[in-house]
Each structure stands twice: as structure tokens, then as C-alpha cells.
Amino acid sequence: SRWFALTALASIAALATVIGLLLNNFLSERMLAQEASLTQEFVNSLLMIETPLVRFTADPASRREGQAPESFEHLTRIPDVLRTNLYDREQKLIWSSDPSMIGRTFDRNPELERALAGEVVAEREEHEHEGEGKAEHQALPGRNDMFVEIYVPVRESAGGAVLGAIEFYKRPQALSRALEQLRMYIALGAVIGGALLYMALFGLVRRADLTIREQQR
């Protein structure tokens, strides 16, 4: 009984922890993907209406003339957005809600490369200390908070060639609260489920042990 009590406790605790972590990661990724999908739908609907935005991304001449479309203002008004960046095919930042960033290029960015290949990408990040993390994260407001990077391809038409990518830095309050509640419920469920399983198994083994002892007497 003593051997089983220790072994079962360690095994069930480890199993509950692993299952809880896997479930938390899976559901978190699904919720991030949903956030990215909603952002993509907004961008696609905007691109269908605001053709100057597509032309600005595709035509360097329009940038030299300083004809930044007014539609860019819509990108900055998406709820919970910290910063919006627009990259061309060469990964050059051609427009940003932070004007000091315009015209810069940064080190290799795998998420941006995937977006330029036509994929919608969502990554959860934590604000780093000054001098750490990606160079494009500098001067983001609300340091030490969780934020989400979302990359949406800019296409010349529905299903057409990718002209560039829009990068959103978002601090989705609703998503953050949902993730916190999710972690709490998963942890609570793992503890309760593990405790019930442990008590049931230990009760069976203890009863069997007492029965054997009685038979031996």
C-alpha cells in the first residue's frame, strides 16, 4: 500500500501535468488562430474596398510621391492594436503607425517570411527588457505585458500574388482574460481529476491489501 501510494501519486501527478500543459497549448493555439483569422477577414474586406492601399504596396512610385492612402488609418483603429507595420516583398518597412520605423529593414524574420509566402501567422510574445528580442519590438507601449504578433499577406486580388504583408502588434484584452481563465480551469480540472483517480485506485489497492492480510491470518 505504501509503495503504491507513492508510485501512484507521482505517476498521476506527472500525467495530469502533461495532459494539462498539452491541452492548454492546444487551446491557446486555436484561440490565437481564431484571433488571426478575424484580423485577416478585416484586412481582406478593407483591401477589396481600398484599392489605393494595394497600389501603394505594389508600386514604389506611389510611395516616392508620398501618397500614403487614408485607408491606412483604418488599420490603426482596430481594437487593441499597439502598432501596425506594412512590408513589401523585400521585407522593407514601407509604412508604419510609428513614422520613425518607416524605411527600415530588420534581421531575418521567419514569421514575416511565412506571411510573404501567403500564410497568416499568429505568435504570442512577451515584452522583453530593453535591448532584448526583435529589433522591430523597440518602443512598443505597455512593456512587460503579453502581446500578439499577427502577419496578414497583402494580395493584388483574391487568391492573387502576394505583394507584401501587414504586421499587427495587438494586446487583445478579451483573449488575455480568456487564456487566464482557460489556464485556471485546466489546472483545477487536472487537480480534481487526478485526486479522484488517485483516491479510487488507492482505495482498490488498500482493500485488496487488507483482504490478503485477513486471508493470511
Protein backbone atom coordinates (compact mmCIF):
# COMPACT_ATOMS: atom_id res chain seq x y z
CA SER A 1 0.00 0.00 0.00
CA ARG A 2 2.79 2.40 0.90
CA TRP A 3 4.70 1.61 -2.32
CA PHE A 4 1.55 2.08 -4.42
CA ALA A 5 0.64 5.31 -2.62
CA LEU A 6 3.95 6.94 -3.53
CA THR A 7 4.21 5.50 -7.05
CA ALA A 8 0.61 6.27 -7.99
CA LEU A 9 0.81 9.78 -6.59
CA ALA A 10 3.92 10.60 -8.61
CA SER A 11 2.57 8.96 -11.79
CA ILE A 12 -0.85 10.59 -11.67
CA ALA A 13 0.62 13.99 -10.85
CA ALA A 14 3.03 13.75 -13.79
CA LEU A 15 0.28 12.54 -16.13
CA ALA A 16 -2.14 15.28 -15.08
CA THR A 17 0.56 17.93 -15.53
CA VAL A 18 1.49 16.73 -19.02
CA ILE A 19 -2.14 16.47 -20.15
CA GLY A 20 -2.91 19.90 -18.69
CA LEU A 21 0.05 21.51 -20.48
CA LEU A 22 -0.79 19.86 -23.80
CA LEU A 23 -4.44 20.86 -23.54
CA ASN A 24 -3.52 24.41 -22.58
CA ASN A 25 -1.11 24.76 -25.51
CA PHE A 26 -3.60 23.28 -27.98
CA LEU A 27 -6.49 25.52 -26.94
CA SER A 28 -4.24 28.59 -26.75
CA GLU A 29 -3.03 27.98 -30.30
CA ARG A 30 -6.60 27.54 -31.51
CA MET A 31 -7.66 30.80 -29.87
CA LEU A 32 -4.67 32.63 -31.38
CA ALA A 33 -5.54 31.20 -34.79
CA GLN A 34 -9.09 32.48 -34.38
CA GLU A 35 -7.77 35.94 -33.50
CA ALA A 36 -5.58 35.89 -36.61
CA SER A 37 -8.50 34.71 -38.76
CA LEU A 38 -10.69 37.61 -37.62
CA THR A 39 -7.87 40.07 -38.34
CA GLN A 40 -7.36 38.55 -41.80
CA GLU A 41 -11.07 38.89 -42.60
CA PHE A 42 -10.96 42.56 -41.66
CA VAL A 43 -7.86 43.19 -43.79
CA ASN A 44 -9.28 41.34 -46.78
CA SER A 45 -12.53 43.29 -46.64
CA LEU A 46 -10.52 46.53 -46.41
CA LEU A 47 -8.34 45.58 -49.39
CA MET A 48 -11.41 44.89 -51.51
CA ILE A 49 -12.66 48.43 -50.89
CA GLU A 50 -9.44 50.42 -50.55
CA THR A 51 -7.54 49.77 -53.79
CA PRO A 52 -5.06 52.63 -53.04
CA LEU A 53 -3.66 50.51 -50.22
CA VAL A 54 -2.91 47.66 -52.64
CA ARG A 55 -1.43 50.10 -55.18
CA PHE A 56 0.75 51.69 -52.50
CA THR A 57 2.12 48.26 -51.56
CA ALA A 58 2.77 47.19 -55.14
CA ASP A 59 4.02 50.44 -56.71
CA PRO A 60 7.19 52.06 -55.31
CA ALA A 61 6.47 55.21 -57.34
CA SER A 62 3.38 55.98 -55.30
CA ARG A 63 5.49 55.82 -52.15
CA ARG A 64 8.05 58.25 -53.51
CA GLU A 65 5.22 60.65 -54.26
CA GLY A 66 4.11 60.39 -50.64
CA GLN A 67 0.61 59.23 -51.46
CA ALA A 68 0.01 57.14 -48.37
CA PRO A 69 -3.68 56.18 -48.56
CA GLU A 70 -6.03 57.49 -45.90
CA SER A 71 -7.26 53.92 -45.60
CA PHE A 72 -4.15 53.18 -43.53
CA GLU A 73 -5.88 54.99 -40.71
CA HIS A 74 -8.41 52.15 -40.58
CA LEU A 75 -5.58 49.74 -39.78
CA THR A 76 -4.64 51.73 -36.69
CA ARG A 77 -8.23 51.78 -35.40
CA ILE A 78 -8.55 48.03 -34.97
CA PRO A 79 -9.28 47.40 -31.27
CA ASP A 80 -6.28 46.56 -29.04
CA VAL A 81 -3.69 47.37 -31.75
CA LEU A 82 -0.35 48.64 -30.40
CA ARG A 83 1.37 49.15 -33.76
CA THR A 84 0.77 48.36 -37.44
CA ASN A 85 3.56 47.80 -39.99
CA LEU A 86 3.38 47.28 -43.76
CA TYR A 87 6.22 45.41 -45.51
CA ASP A 88 6.91 45.00 -49.21
CA ARG A 89 8.18 41.85 -50.91
CA GLU A 90 11.78 42.74 -49.98
CA GLN A 91 10.82 42.89 -46.27
CA LYS A 92 11.31 46.64 -46.19
CA LEU A 93 9.01 48.52 -43.85
CA ILE A 94 7.21 50.93 -46.20
CA TRP A 95 4.58 52.25 -43.77
CA SER A 96 4.02 52.14 -40.02
CA SER A 97 1.75 53.70 -37.45
CA ASP A 98 5.07 54.72 -35.86
CA PRO A 99 6.60 57.04 -38.51
CA SER A 100 10.11 56.62 -37.09
CA MET A 101 10.11 52.98 -38.27
CA ILE A 102 9.35 53.70 -41.95
CA GLY A 103 12.08 52.74 -44.41
CA ARG A 104 13.88 50.32 -42.10
CA THR A 105 14.74 46.69 -42.69
CA PHE A 106 15.42 44.20 -39.91
CA ASP A 107 17.17 40.90 -39.33
CA ARG A 108 15.67 37.67 -40.63
CA ASN A 109 12.06 37.30 -39.51
CA PRO A 110 10.68 33.77 -40.06
CA GLU A 111 7.10 34.85 -39.36
CA LEU A 112 7.31 37.62 -41.97
CA GLU A 113 8.79 35.19 -44.49
CA ARG A 114 5.86 32.83 -43.97
CA ALA A 115 3.41 35.71 -44.45
CA LEU A 116 5.10 36.73 -47.70
CA ALA A 117 4.70 33.11 -48.80
CA GLY A 118 0.93 33.52 -48.37
CA GLU A 119 0.37 32.25 -44.82
CA VAL A 120 -1.45 34.02 -41.99
CA VAL A 121 0.78 33.84 -38.91
CA ALA A 122 -0.01 34.49 -35.24
CA GLU A 123 2.62 34.38 -32.48
CA ARG A 124 2.23 35.17 -28.80
CA GLU A 125 5.09 37.20 -27.35
CA GLU A 126 6.13 38.75 -24.08
CA HIS A 127 7.63 42.22 -23.83
CA GLU A 128 11.34 41.86 -23.32
CA HIS A 129 13.74 44.11 -21.43
CA GLU A 130 15.25 46.94 -23.41
CA GLY A 131 17.82 45.65 -25.88
CA GLU A 132 16.34 42.14 -26.00
CA GLY A 133 14.08 40.45 -28.52
CA LYS A 134 13.41 41.52 -32.09
CA ALA A 135 14.63 44.92 -33.24
CA GLU A 136 11.17 45.83 -34.53
CA HIS A 137 9.76 45.43 -31.00
CA GLN A 138 11.50 48.58 -29.81
CA ALA A 139 9.40 51.34 -28.24
CA LEU A 140 6.25 49.23 -28.07
CA PRO A 141 3.90 50.57 -25.37
CA GLY A 142 2.86 48.53 -22.37
CA ARG A 143 6.10 46.72 -21.66
CA ASN A 144 6.06 43.56 -19.55
CA ASP A 145 2.64 42.65 -21.00
CA MET A 146 1.69 39.81 -23.30
CA PHE A 147 1.03 40.81 -26.89
CA VAL A 148 0.27 39.03 -30.15
CA GLU A 149 2.04 39.40 -33.49
CA ILE A 150 -0.25 38.79 -36.46
CA TYR A 151 1.02 38.79 -40.05
CA VAL A 152 -1.51 39.02 -42.88
CA PRO A 153 -0.47 38.77 -46.58
CA VAL A 154 -1.46 41.61 -48.90
CA ARG A 155 -2.59 40.21 -52.26
CA GLU A 156 -3.26 42.03 -55.52
CA SER A 157 -6.62 40.23 -55.67
CA ALA A 158 -8.41 37.35 -54.01
CA GLY A 159 -6.10 34.39 -54.46
CA GLY A 160 -3.62 36.55 -56.39
CA ALA A 161 0.09 37.13 -55.94
CA VAL A 162 1.36 38.33 -52.55
CA LEU A 163 2.55 41.95 -52.73
CA GLY A 164 3.57 42.39 -49.13
CA ALA A 165 2.42 41.75 -45.56
CA ILE A 166 0.79 43.72 -42.77
CA GLU A 167 2.10 43.13 -39.28
CA PHE A 168 -0.13 43.86 -36.29
CA TYR A 169 1.04 44.09 -32.71
CA LYS A 170 -2.07 43.55 -30.60
CA ARG A 171 -2.73 43.32 -26.90
CA PRO A 172 -6.14 41.61 -27.01
CA GLN A 173 -7.66 42.12 -23.60
CA ALA A 174 -10.51 39.66 -24.15
CA LEU A 175 -8.10 36.99 -25.38
CA SER A 176 -5.78 37.54 -22.41
CA ARG A 177 -8.64 37.14 -19.95
CA ALA A 178 -9.89 34.05 -21.77
CA LEU A 179 -6.41 32.48 -21.67
CA GLU A 180 -6.09 33.20 -17.95
CA GLN A 181 -9.46 31.57 -17.27
CA LEU A 182 -8.51 28.67 -19.52
CA ARG A 183 -5.30 28.01 -17.58
CA MET A 184 -7.19 28.21 -14.28
CA TYR A 185 -9.90 25.77 -15.38
CA ILE A 186 -7.39 23.33 -16.87
CA ALA A 187 -5.27 23.38 -13.70
CA LEU A 188 -8.36 22.96 -11.50
CA GLY A 189 -9.66 20.12 -13.67
CA ALA A 190 -6.28 18.36 -13.64
CA VAL A 191 -6.04 18.59 -9.84
CA ILE A 192 -9.60 17.38 -9.23
CA GLY A 193 -9.40 14.61 -11.84
CA GLY A 194 -6.02 13.44 -10.59
CA ALA A 195 -7.20 13.45 -6.97
CA LEU A 196 -10.33 11.41 -7.77
CA LEU A 197 -8.35 8.90 -9.81
CA TYR A 198 -5.73 8.57 -7.07
CA MET A 199 -8.32 8.03 -4.32
CA ALA A 200 -10.20 5.46 -6.39
CA LEU A 201 -7.09 3.44 -7.25
CA PHE A 202 -5.65 3.69 -3.76
CA GLY A 203 -8.97 2.56 -2.28
CA LEU A 204 -8.96 -0.54 -4.51
CA VAL A 205 -5.36 -1.42 -3.69
CA ARG A 206 -5.84 -0.77 0.02
CA ARG A 207 -8.93 -3.00 0.08
CA ALA A 208 -7.06 -5.76 -1.76
CA ASP A 209 -4.15 -5.44 0.68
CA LEU A 210 -6.45 -5.73 3.70
CA THR A 211 -8.22 -8.74 2.13
CA ILE A 212 -4.91 -10.55 1.58
CA ARG A 213 -3.80 -9.83 5.14
CA GLU A 214 -7.10 -11.15 6.51
CA GLN A 215 -6.81 -14.30 4.41
CA GLN A 216 -3.25 -14.87 5.65
CA ARG A 217 -4.38 -14.52 9.27
